[in-house]
């Protein structure tokens, strides 16, 4: 990321609802998106942060395409160096500002039965063990690093700690469900 870059974020299950549209300037980069927590982690990791509430609305604003109708035109204005169409938020209070960087629980089960946690793998040491369902699991790089039927955790493609059982369904083998707590040992 380079100062002056502009990013548009459109992940918004609540599109068309009551959440504000925001612009975040974080360490010289611009981020445009909904006030649903999506931009909060970026802001938390930046040294210099300023927020604006977008008060401009286009003549036609679809209920479900704010990315196209609202966020993209605002981003275009930023790229062109035009005036920001919004109000500076002095307090910077946004949705997700108080959310943790990591969530020590199962957040998703895939169709293979692997259990994604809300823990970033890159902040966990190589010898970290995860404890869940009464079992302590060691870290492995790949499925082939452990014997068939062995439960372990690994860094998934999203950079999160994921629990698996080689050749089996971890959710069934370990009786896992979304929301189960995970302890870091």
N, C-alpha and C. Protein backbone atom coordinates (compact mmCIF):
# COMPACT_ATOMS: atom_id res chain seq x y z
N UNK A 1 0.84 -1.17 0.00
CA UNK A 1 0.00 0.00 0.00
C UNK A 1 0.89 1.24 0.00
N UNK A 2 0.48 2.17 -0.81
CA UNK A 2 1.22 3.43 -0.93
C UNK A 2 0.30 4.59 -0.54
N UNK A 3 0.86 5.61 0.12
CA UNK A 3 0.03 6.78 0.43
C UNK A 3 -0.66 7.30 -0.82
N UNK A 4 -1.93 7.62 -0.67
CA UNK A 4 -2.73 8.09 -1.78
C UNK A 4 -3.55 7.01 -2.45
N UNK A 5 -3.20 5.73 -2.23
CA UNK A 5 -4.00 4.63 -2.78
C UNK A 5 -5.42 4.72 -2.24
N UNK A 6 -6.38 4.29 -3.06
CA UNK A 6 -7.78 4.31 -2.68
C UNK A 6 -8.33 2.90 -2.80
N UNK A 7 -8.99 2.44 -1.75
CA UNK A 7 -9.58 1.10 -1.71
C UNK A 7 -11.07 1.22 -1.43
N UNK A 8 -11.85 0.41 -2.10
CA UNK A 8 -13.29 0.37 -1.88
C UNK A 8 -13.63 -1.00 -1.32
N UNK A 9 -14.36 -1.01 -0.21
CA UNK A 9 -14.79 -2.25 0.42
C UNK A 9 -16.31 -2.33 0.34
N UNK A 10 -16.81 -3.47 -0.15
CA UNK A 10 -18.24 -3.55 -0.40
C UNK A 10 -18.89 -4.72 0.35
N UNK A 11 -18.20 -5.36 1.26
CA UNK A 11 -18.77 -6.48 2.00
C UNK A 11 -19.76 -5.92 3.00
N UNK A 12 -21.03 -6.01 2.70
CA UNK A 12 -22.04 -5.40 3.56
C UNK A 12 -23.35 -6.16 3.52
N UNK A 13 -23.51 -7.15 4.39
CA UNK A 13 -24.78 -7.87 4.43
C UNK A 13 -25.95 -6.97 4.80
N UNK A 14 -25.66 -5.81 5.40
CA UNK A 14 -26.72 -4.89 5.80
C UNK A 14 -26.94 -3.77 4.81
N UNK A 15 -26.48 -3.95 3.56
CA UNK A 15 -26.62 -2.90 2.55
C UNK A 15 -28.06 -2.42 2.46
N UNK A 16 -28.22 -1.12 2.35
CA UNK A 16 -29.55 -0.54 2.28
C UNK A 16 -30.16 -0.30 3.64
N UNK A 17 -29.48 -0.73 4.69
CA UNK A 17 -29.98 -0.55 6.06
C UNK A 17 -29.59 0.81 6.62
N UNK A 18 -29.43 0.85 7.92
CA UNK A 18 -29.21 2.11 8.61
C UNK A 18 -27.74 2.46 8.84
N UNK A 19 -26.80 1.57 8.50
CA UNK A 19 -25.40 1.89 8.77
C UNK A 19 -24.91 3.04 7.90
N UNK A 20 -23.98 3.81 8.45
CA UNK A 20 -23.40 4.94 7.73
C UNK A 20 -22.45 4.46 6.64
N UNK A 21 -22.21 5.31 5.68
CA UNK A 21 -21.16 5.11 4.68
C UNK A 21 -19.97 5.94 5.16
N UNK A 22 -18.75 5.35 5.11
CA UNK A 22 -17.59 6.00 5.69
C UNK A 22 -16.42 6.11 4.72
N UNK A 23 -15.56 7.06 5.03
CA UNK A 23 -14.24 7.15 4.42
C UNK A 23 -13.26 7.13 5.57
N UNK A 24 -12.25 6.29 5.44
CA UNK A 24 -11.17 6.20 6.41
C UNK A 24 -9.87 6.58 5.71
N UNK A 25 -9.12 7.48 6.31
CA UNK A 25 -7.77 7.75 5.84
C UNK A 25 -6.84 7.16 6.89
N UNK A 26 -6.10 6.12 6.51
CA UNK A 26 -5.22 5.41 7.44
C UNK A 26 -3.82 5.40 6.87
N UNK A 27 -2.91 6.05 7.57
CA UNK A 27 -1.51 6.13 7.13
C UNK A 27 -1.38 6.57 5.68
N UNK A 28 -2.22 7.53 5.29
CA UNK A 28 -2.12 8.11 3.95
C UNK A 28 -2.92 7.41 2.88
N UNK A 29 -3.48 6.24 3.18
CA UNK A 29 -4.31 5.51 2.21
C UNK A 29 -5.78 5.76 2.51
N UNK A 30 -6.58 5.73 1.49
CA UNK A 30 -8.02 5.97 1.61
C UNK A 30 -8.78 4.65 1.51
N UNK A 31 -9.80 4.50 2.37
CA UNK A 31 -10.67 3.33 2.37
C UNK A 31 -12.10 3.82 2.41
N UNK A 32 -12.92 3.32 1.50
CA UNK A 32 -14.33 3.73 1.40
C UNK A 32 -15.18 2.50 1.61
N UNK A 33 -16.16 2.58 2.51
CA UNK A 33 -17.01 1.42 2.75
C UNK A 33 -18.05 1.67 3.81
N UNK A 34 -18.78 0.62 4.16
CA UNK A 34 -19.86 0.73 5.15
C UNK A 34 -19.32 0.75 6.58
N UNK A 35 -20.09 1.31 7.47
CA UNK A 35 -19.75 1.30 8.90
C UNK A 35 -20.32 0.02 9.52
N UNK A 36 -19.69 -1.09 9.18
CA UNK A 36 -20.13 -2.38 9.71
C UNK A 36 -18.99 -3.15 10.36
N UNK A 37 -17.88 -2.48 10.63
CA UNK A 37 -16.72 -3.11 11.25
C UNK A 37 -15.64 -3.49 10.26
N UNK A 38 -15.97 -3.46 8.98
CA UNK A 38 -15.02 -3.87 7.95
C UNK A 38 -13.74 -3.05 7.96
N UNK A 39 -13.85 -1.76 8.19
CA UNK A 39 -12.68 -0.87 8.16
C UNK A 39 -12.01 -0.71 9.53
N UNK A 40 -12.65 -1.21 10.58
CA UNK A 40 -12.17 -0.97 11.94
C UNK A 40 -10.80 -1.58 12.20
N UNK A 41 -10.53 -2.78 11.71
CA UNK A 41 -9.24 -3.42 11.97
C UNK A 41 -8.13 -2.66 11.25
N UNK A 42 -8.41 -2.20 10.03
CA UNK A 42 -7.43 -1.39 9.32
C UNK A 42 -7.08 -0.15 10.14
N UNK A 43 -8.10 0.50 10.66
CA UNK A 43 -7.88 1.70 11.46
C UNK A 43 -7.07 1.40 12.72
N UNK A 44 -7.37 0.29 13.36
CA UNK A 44 -6.69 -0.06 14.61
C UNK A 44 -5.19 -0.29 14.40
N UNK A 45 -4.80 -0.75 13.22
CA UNK A 45 -3.40 -1.05 12.97
C UNK A 45 -2.64 0.10 12.31
N UNK A 46 -3.31 1.20 12.09
CA UNK A 46 -2.66 2.37 11.46
C UNK A 46 -2.15 3.31 12.54
N UNK A 47 -1.12 4.06 12.19
CA UNK A 47 -0.56 5.05 13.12
C UNK A 47 -1.36 6.34 13.10
N UNK A 48 -1.81 6.72 11.90
CA UNK A 48 -2.53 7.98 11.72
C UNK A 48 -3.88 7.68 11.08
N UNK A 49 -4.97 8.08 11.76
CA UNK A 49 -6.32 7.72 11.32
C UNK A 49 -7.25 8.93 11.37
N UNK A 50 -8.06 9.08 10.32
CA UNK A 50 -9.14 10.07 10.31
C UNK A 50 -10.35 9.44 9.63
N UNK A 51 -11.52 9.72 10.14
CA UNK A 51 -12.77 9.17 9.62
C UNK A 51 -13.69 10.29 9.13
N UNK A 52 -14.44 10.00 8.06
CA UNK A 52 -15.50 10.88 7.59
C UNK A 52 -16.76 10.07 7.37
N UNK A 53 -17.89 10.68 7.66
CA UNK A 53 -19.19 10.10 7.33
C UNK A 53 -19.58 10.69 5.98
N UNK A 54 -19.88 9.84 5.02
CA UNK A 54 -20.27 10.31 3.68
C UNK A 54 -21.71 10.81 3.76
N UNK A 55 -21.88 12.10 3.47
CA UNK A 55 -23.24 12.64 3.50
C UNK A 55 -23.81 12.86 2.10
N UNK A 56 -23.01 12.69 1.07
CA UNK A 56 -23.46 12.81 -0.31
C UNK A 56 -24.23 11.55 -0.72
N UNK A 57 -25.26 11.74 -1.51
CA UNK A 57 -26.00 10.61 -2.08
C UNK A 57 -26.23 10.90 -3.57
N UNK A 58 -26.07 9.89 -4.41
CA UNK A 58 -26.32 10.09 -5.85
C UNK A 58 -27.81 10.27 -6.11
N UNK A 59 -28.13 10.74 -7.31
CA UNK A 59 -29.54 10.92 -7.67
C UNK A 59 -30.30 9.60 -7.58
N UNK A 60 -29.64 8.51 -7.99
CA UNK A 60 -30.25 7.18 -7.90
C UNK A 60 -29.36 6.30 -7.03
N UNK A 61 -29.92 5.80 -5.93
CA UNK A 61 -29.18 4.93 -5.02
C UNK A 61 -29.97 3.64 -4.84
N UNK A 62 -29.49 2.60 -5.46
CA UNK A 62 -30.11 1.29 -5.35
C UNK A 62 -30.09 0.83 -3.88
N UNK A 63 -31.08 0.06 -3.50
CA UNK A 63 -31.12 -0.47 -2.14
C UNK A 63 -30.04 -1.52 -1.90
N UNK A 64 -29.54 -2.15 -2.96
CA UNK A 64 -28.60 -3.25 -2.75
C UNK A 64 -27.27 -3.12 -3.50
N UNK A 65 -27.02 -1.99 -4.17
CA UNK A 65 -25.76 -1.82 -4.89
C UNK A 65 -25.03 -0.55 -4.48
N UNK A 66 -24.81 -0.39 -3.18
CA UNK A 66 -24.11 0.80 -2.69
C UNK A 66 -22.66 0.83 -3.17
N UNK A 67 -22.08 -0.32 -3.41
CA UNK A 67 -20.71 -0.36 -3.95
C UNK A 67 -20.63 0.38 -5.26
N UNK A 68 -21.56 0.13 -6.13
CA UNK A 68 -21.60 0.77 -7.45
C UNK A 68 -22.09 2.20 -7.37
N UNK A 69 -23.18 2.43 -6.62
CA UNK A 69 -23.87 3.72 -6.66
C UNK A 69 -23.31 4.77 -5.69
N UNK A 70 -22.70 4.34 -4.61
CA UNK A 70 -22.25 5.27 -3.58
C UNK A 70 -20.74 5.20 -3.35
N UNK A 71 -20.22 4.02 -3.03
CA UNK A 71 -18.81 3.90 -2.67
C UNK A 71 -17.87 4.15 -3.86
N UNK A 72 -18.17 3.59 -5.01
CA UNK A 72 -17.29 3.79 -6.18
C UNK A 72 -17.22 5.26 -6.61
N UNK A 73 -18.35 5.99 -6.68
CA UNK A 73 -18.24 7.41 -7.03
C UNK A 73 -17.45 8.24 -6.01
N UNK A 74 -17.59 7.90 -4.73
CA UNK A 74 -16.81 8.61 -3.71
C UNK A 74 -15.33 8.30 -3.88
N UNK A 75 -14.99 7.04 -4.13
CA UNK A 75 -13.59 6.65 -4.37
C UNK A 75 -13.04 7.38 -5.59
N UNK A 76 -13.85 7.51 -6.63
CA UNK A 76 -13.44 8.21 -7.83
C UNK A 76 -13.11 9.67 -7.51
N UNK A 77 -13.91 10.29 -6.69
CA UNK A 77 -13.64 11.67 -6.28
C UNK A 77 -12.29 11.77 -5.56
N UNK A 78 -12.01 10.79 -4.69
CA UNK A 78 -10.74 10.79 -3.97
C UNK A 78 -9.56 10.64 -4.92
N UNK A 79 -9.69 9.74 -5.89
CA UNK A 79 -8.63 9.53 -6.88
C UNK A 79 -8.36 10.82 -7.66
N UNK A 80 -9.41 11.54 -7.98
CA UNK A 80 -9.27 12.79 -8.74
C UNK A 80 -8.81 13.97 -7.88
N UNK A 81 -8.72 13.76 -6.56
CA UNK A 81 -8.30 14.83 -5.66
C UNK A 81 -9.40 15.82 -5.36
N UNK A 82 -10.64 15.44 -5.61
CA UNK A 82 -11.77 16.34 -5.34
C UNK A 82 -12.09 16.36 -3.85
N UNK A 83 -12.89 17.34 -3.46
CA UNK A 83 -13.30 17.50 -2.07
C UNK A 83 -14.06 16.26 -1.60
N UNK A 84 -13.76 15.85 -0.39
CA UNK A 84 -14.41 14.69 0.21
C UNK A 84 -15.86 15.04 0.54
N UNK A 85 -16.81 14.26 0.05
CA UNK A 85 -18.23 14.57 0.28
C UNK A 85 -18.72 14.03 1.61
N UNK A 86 -18.20 14.58 2.69
CA UNK A 86 -18.62 14.07 3.98
C UNK A 86 -18.18 14.94 5.13
N UNK A 87 -18.59 14.51 6.30
CA UNK A 87 -18.34 15.24 7.53
C UNK A 87 -17.26 14.51 8.33
N UNK A 88 -16.22 15.26 8.76
CA UNK A 88 -15.16 14.69 9.58
C UNK A 88 -15.75 14.24 10.91
N UNK A 89 -15.44 13.02 11.31
CA UNK A 89 -15.89 12.51 12.61
C UNK A 89 -14.79 12.73 13.63
N UNK A 90 -15.02 13.64 14.54
CA UNK A 90 -13.99 13.99 15.53
C UNK A 90 -13.71 12.85 16.49
N UNK A 91 -14.74 12.10 16.88
CA UNK A 91 -14.52 11.05 17.88
C UNK A 91 -14.05 9.74 17.25
N UNK A 92 -14.24 9.57 15.95
CA UNK A 92 -13.80 8.36 15.27
C UNK A 92 -14.52 7.10 15.70
N UNK A 93 -15.62 7.21 16.45
CA UNK A 93 -16.35 6.03 16.91
C UNK A 93 -17.07 5.37 15.74
N UNK A 94 -16.68 4.15 15.46
CA UNK A 94 -17.28 3.39 14.38
C UNK A 94 -17.58 1.98 14.86
N UNK A 95 -18.43 1.29 14.13
CA UNK A 95 -18.74 -0.10 14.46
C UNK A 95 -17.45 -0.92 14.37
N UNK A 96 -17.21 -1.73 15.37
CA UNK A 96 -16.06 -2.63 15.37
C UNK A 96 -14.80 -2.04 15.96
N UNK A 97 -14.83 -0.78 16.35
CA UNK A 97 -13.64 -0.16 16.92
C UNK A 97 -13.18 -0.84 18.20
N UNK A 98 -14.09 -1.50 18.88
CA UNK A 98 -13.73 -2.19 20.13
C UNK A 98 -13.66 -3.71 19.96
N UNK A 99 -13.71 -4.19 18.72
CA UNK A 99 -13.62 -5.63 18.48
C UNK A 99 -12.19 -6.10 18.66
N UNK A 100 -12.01 -7.36 19.09
CA UNK A 100 -10.64 -7.88 19.24
C UNK A 100 -10.05 -8.23 17.88
N UNK A 101 -8.72 -8.25 17.80
CA UNK A 101 -8.05 -8.69 16.57
C UNK A 101 -8.23 -10.19 16.36
N UNK A 102 -8.32 -10.92 17.47
CA UNK A 102 -8.46 -12.38 17.40
C UNK A 102 -9.68 -12.81 18.21
N UNK A 103 -10.31 -13.87 17.76
CA UNK A 103 -11.47 -14.42 18.44
C UNK A 103 -11.18 -15.89 18.70
N UNK A 104 -11.01 -16.25 19.95
CA UNK A 104 -10.61 -17.60 20.33
C UNK A 104 -11.82 -18.54 20.38
N UNK A 105 -12.37 -18.77 19.19
CA UNK A 105 -13.47 -19.72 19.07
C UNK A 105 -13.58 -20.19 17.64
N UNK A 106 -14.38 -21.23 17.44
CA UNK A 106 -14.65 -21.73 16.09
C UNK A 106 -15.61 -20.75 15.43
N UNK A 107 -15.22 -20.24 14.25
CA UNK A 107 -16.06 -19.25 13.56
C UNK A 107 -16.72 -19.81 12.31
N UNK A 108 -16.23 -20.98 11.82
CA UNK A 108 -16.78 -21.52 10.58
C UNK A 108 -16.40 -22.99 10.46
N UNK A 109 -17.33 -23.80 9.98
CA UNK A 109 -17.07 -25.20 9.66
C UNK A 109 -17.25 -25.37 8.16
N UNK A 110 -16.22 -25.86 7.47
CA UNK A 110 -16.36 -26.05 6.03
C UNK A 110 -17.01 -27.39 5.72
N UNK A 111 -17.27 -27.67 4.45
CA UNK A 111 -18.00 -28.88 4.08
C UNK A 111 -17.16 -30.15 4.25
N UNK A 112 -15.87 -30.02 4.54
CA UNK A 112 -15.02 -31.17 4.85
C UNK A 112 -15.03 -31.47 6.35
N UNK A 113 -15.57 -30.52 7.15
CA UNK A 113 -15.59 -30.69 8.59
C UNK A 113 -14.42 -30.02 9.29
N UNK A 114 -13.60 -29.27 8.54
CA UNK A 114 -12.50 -28.52 9.16
C UNK A 114 -13.10 -27.31 9.87
N UNK A 115 -12.46 -26.91 10.97
CA UNK A 115 -13.00 -25.85 11.81
C UNK A 115 -12.07 -24.64 11.83
N UNK A 116 -12.51 -23.56 11.21
CA UNK A 116 -11.74 -22.32 11.18
C UNK A 116 -11.93 -21.59 12.50
N UNK A 117 -10.82 -21.12 13.07
CA UNK A 117 -10.92 -20.31 14.28
C UNK A 117 -10.78 -18.83 13.90
N UNK A 118 -11.00 -17.98 14.86
CA UNK A 118 -10.79 -16.55 14.67
C UNK A 118 -9.43 -16.11 15.15
N UNK A 119 -8.48 -17.04 15.19
CA UNK A 119 -7.12 -16.73 15.64
C UNK A 119 -6.18 -16.59 14.45
N UNK A 120 -5.40 -15.52 14.42
CA UNK A 120 -4.41 -15.34 13.37
C UNK A 120 -3.22 -16.26 13.64
N UNK A 121 -2.91 -17.11 12.70
CA UNK A 121 -1.84 -18.09 12.88
C UNK A 121 -0.47 -17.44 13.02
N UNK A 122 -0.25 -16.31 12.34
CA UNK A 122 1.08 -15.70 12.36
C UNK A 122 1.45 -15.09 13.71
N UNK A 123 0.53 -14.97 14.63
CA UNK A 123 0.87 -14.48 15.96
C UNK A 123 1.02 -15.62 16.97
N UNK A 124 0.81 -16.86 16.50
CA UNK A 124 0.98 -18.03 17.35
C UNK A 124 2.34 -18.66 17.09
N UNK A 125 3.05 -19.04 18.13
CA UNK A 125 4.36 -19.67 17.99
C UNK A 125 4.22 -21.05 17.35
N UNK A 126 5.31 -21.52 16.77
CA UNK A 126 5.32 -22.84 16.12
C UNK A 126 4.92 -23.95 17.09
N UNK A 127 5.30 -23.81 18.37
CA UNK A 127 5.00 -24.87 19.34
C UNK A 127 3.70 -24.64 20.11
N UNK A 128 2.92 -23.64 19.68
CA UNK A 128 1.64 -23.37 20.33
C UNK A 128 0.70 -24.55 20.15
N UNK A 129 0.02 -24.89 21.22
CA UNK A 129 -1.02 -25.93 21.17
C UNK A 129 -2.36 -25.25 21.34
N UNK A 130 -3.34 -25.73 20.61
CA UNK A 130 -4.71 -25.25 20.78
C UNK A 130 -5.50 -26.32 21.51
N UNK A 131 -6.27 -25.89 22.49
CA UNK A 131 -7.07 -26.84 23.27
C UNK A 131 -8.55 -26.57 22.99
N UNK A 132 -9.24 -27.62 22.60
CA UNK A 132 -10.67 -27.54 22.38
C UNK A 132 -11.27 -28.93 22.51
N UNK A 133 -12.50 -29.00 22.94
CA UNK A 133 -13.19 -30.27 23.15
C UNK A 133 -12.37 -31.23 24.01
N UNK A 134 -11.65 -30.67 25.00
CA UNK A 134 -10.88 -31.50 25.92
C UNK A 134 -9.60 -32.07 25.35
N UNK A 135 -9.18 -31.64 24.17
CA UNK A 135 -7.96 -32.16 23.54
C UNK A 135 -7.01 -31.02 23.24
N UNK A 136 -5.71 -31.32 23.35
CA UNK A 136 -4.68 -30.37 22.94
C UNK A 136 -4.15 -30.78 21.59
N UNK A 137 -4.14 -29.82 20.67
CA UNK A 137 -3.70 -30.11 19.30
C UNK A 137 -2.40 -29.39 19.00
N UNK A 138 -1.49 -30.09 18.34
CA UNK A 138 -0.22 -29.49 17.92
C UNK A 138 -0.39 -28.89 16.53
N UNK A 139 0.53 -28.04 16.18
CA UNK A 139 0.54 -27.41 14.87
C UNK A 139 1.24 -28.32 13.86
N UNK A 140 0.73 -28.36 12.67
CA UNK A 140 1.37 -29.06 11.56
C UNK A 140 1.32 -28.15 10.35
N UNK A 141 2.26 -28.33 9.44
CA UNK A 141 2.28 -27.50 8.24
C UNK A 141 1.24 -27.95 7.24
N UNK A 142 1.10 -29.28 7.06
CA UNK A 142 0.13 -29.84 6.11
C UNK A 142 -0.48 -31.10 6.70
N UNK A 143 -1.52 -31.57 6.07
CA UNK A 143 -2.20 -32.79 6.50
C UNK A 143 -1.24 -33.98 6.48
N UNK A 144 -0.37 -34.02 5.49
CA UNK A 144 0.54 -35.17 5.36
C UNK A 144 1.63 -35.20 6.43
N UNK A 145 1.73 -34.15 7.23
CA UNK A 145 2.72 -34.12 8.31
C UNK A 145 2.28 -34.91 9.54
N UNK A 146 1.01 -35.33 9.58
CA UNK A 146 0.51 -36.09 10.73
C UNK A 146 -0.10 -37.41 10.25
N UNK A 147 -0.11 -38.43 11.11
CA UNK A 147 -0.70 -39.72 10.71
C UNK A 147 -2.20 -39.62 10.46
N UNK A 148 -2.71 -40.52 9.67
CA UNK A 148 -4.15 -40.61 9.39
C UNK A 148 -4.93 -40.67 10.70
N UNK A 149 -6.00 -39.89 10.80
CA UNK A 149 -6.85 -39.89 11.99
C UNK A 149 -6.37 -38.97 13.09
N UNK A 150 -5.26 -38.26 12.88
CA UNK A 150 -4.69 -37.37 13.90
C UNK A 150 -5.29 -35.97 13.81
N UNK A 151 -5.71 -35.45 14.94
CA UNK A 151 -6.22 -34.07 15.01
C UNK A 151 -5.04 -33.12 15.19
N UNK A 152 -5.10 -31.97 14.51
CA UNK A 152 -4.04 -30.98 14.56
C UNK A 152 -4.60 -29.63 14.16
N UNK A 153 -3.76 -28.62 14.21
CA UNK A 153 -4.16 -27.31 13.66
C UNK A 153 -3.06 -26.83 12.72
N UNK A 154 -3.47 -25.99 11.77
CA UNK A 154 -2.55 -25.48 10.77
C UNK A 154 -2.97 -24.07 10.36
N UNK A 155 -2.09 -23.38 9.65
CA UNK A 155 -2.42 -22.06 9.11
C UNK A 155 -3.12 -22.25 7.78
N UNK A 156 -4.37 -21.81 7.70
CA UNK A 156 -5.12 -21.98 6.45
C UNK A 156 -4.78 -20.88 5.44
N UNK A 157 -5.39 -20.94 4.29
CA UNK A 157 -5.10 -20.00 3.20
C UNK A 157 -5.49 -18.56 3.55
N UNK A 158 -6.34 -18.38 4.57
CA UNK A 158 -6.73 -17.05 5.01
C UNK A 158 -5.82 -16.51 6.11
N UNK A 159 -4.84 -17.32 6.53
CA UNK A 159 -3.94 -16.91 7.59
C UNK A 159 -4.46 -17.18 8.98
N UNK A 160 -5.56 -17.92 9.07
CA UNK A 160 -6.14 -18.24 10.37
C UNK A 160 -5.78 -19.65 10.81
N UNK A 161 -5.81 -19.87 12.12
CA UNK A 161 -5.60 -21.22 12.66
C UNK A 161 -6.85 -22.04 12.38
N UNK A 162 -6.66 -23.20 11.76
CA UNK A 162 -7.78 -24.07 11.41
C UNK A 162 -7.52 -25.45 12.00
N UNK A 163 -8.57 -26.07 12.53
CA UNK A 163 -8.48 -27.38 13.15
C UNK A 163 -8.95 -28.42 12.15
N UNK A 164 -8.19 -29.51 12.06
CA UNK A 164 -8.51 -30.58 11.12
C UNK A 164 -8.14 -31.93 11.73
N UNK A 165 -8.65 -32.97 11.11
CA UNK A 165 -8.25 -34.33 11.42
C UNK A 165 -7.88 -34.96 10.09
N UNK A 166 -6.65 -35.46 9.98
CA UNK A 166 -6.20 -36.02 8.72
C UNK A 166 -7.07 -37.20 8.31
N UNK A 167 -7.71 -37.06 7.14
CA UNK A 167 -8.54 -38.13 6.59
C UNK A 167 -9.91 -38.26 7.21
N UNK A 168 -10.28 -37.34 8.10
CA UNK A 168 -11.57 -37.40 8.77
C UNK A 168 -12.19 -36.00 8.85
N UNK A 169 -13.39 -35.97 9.36
CA UNK A 169 -14.09 -34.72 9.59
C UNK A 169 -13.84 -34.27 11.02
N UNK A 170 -13.15 -33.14 11.19
CA UNK A 170 -12.82 -32.65 12.53
C UNK A 170 -14.07 -32.32 13.32
N UNK A 171 -15.09 -31.76 12.67
CA UNK A 171 -16.29 -31.39 13.44
C UNK A 171 -16.96 -32.62 14.04
N UNK A 172 -16.95 -33.73 13.32
CA UNK A 172 -17.54 -34.97 13.86
C UNK A 172 -16.60 -35.65 14.85
N UNK A 173 -15.32 -35.76 14.51
CA UNK A 173 -14.36 -36.46 15.37
C UNK A 173 -14.17 -35.76 16.72
N UNK A 174 -14.27 -34.42 16.72
CA UNK A 174 -14.03 -33.66 17.94
C UNK A 174 -15.30 -33.02 18.50
N UNK A 175 -16.45 -33.32 17.90
CA UNK A 175 -17.74 -32.75 18.33
C UNK A 175 -17.67 -31.22 18.37
N UNK A 176 -17.28 -30.61 17.25
CA UNK A 176 -17.10 -29.17 17.17
C UNK A 176 -18.33 -28.49 16.59
N UNK A 177 -18.54 -27.25 17.01
CA UNK A 177 -19.62 -26.43 16.47
C UNK A 177 -19.16 -24.97 16.47
N UNK A 178 -19.74 -24.19 15.60
CA UNK A 178 -19.45 -22.76 15.58
C UNK A 178 -19.75 -22.19 16.97
N UNK A 179 -18.82 -21.41 17.47
CA UNK A 179 -18.98 -20.81 18.80
C UNK A 179 -18.21 -21.53 19.89
N UNK A 180 -17.74 -22.77 19.62
CA UNK A 180 -16.93 -23.48 20.62
C UNK A 180 -15.69 -22.67 20.95
N UNK A 181 -15.35 -22.62 22.24
CA UNK A 181 -14.16 -21.91 22.67
C UNK A 181 -12.89 -22.66 22.28
N UNK A 182 -11.83 -21.91 22.02
CA UNK A 182 -10.51 -22.45 21.73
C UNK A 182 -9.53 -21.79 22.70
N UNK A 183 -8.73 -22.60 23.39
CA UNK A 183 -7.73 -22.07 24.32
C UNK A 183 -6.37 -22.20 23.69
N UNK A 184 -5.53 -21.18 23.88
CA UNK A 184 -4.17 -21.18 23.38
C UNK A 184 -3.26 -21.61 24.52
N UNK A 185 -2.49 -22.68 24.30
CA UNK A 185 -1.60 -23.22 25.34
C UNK A 185 -0.15 -23.04 24.94
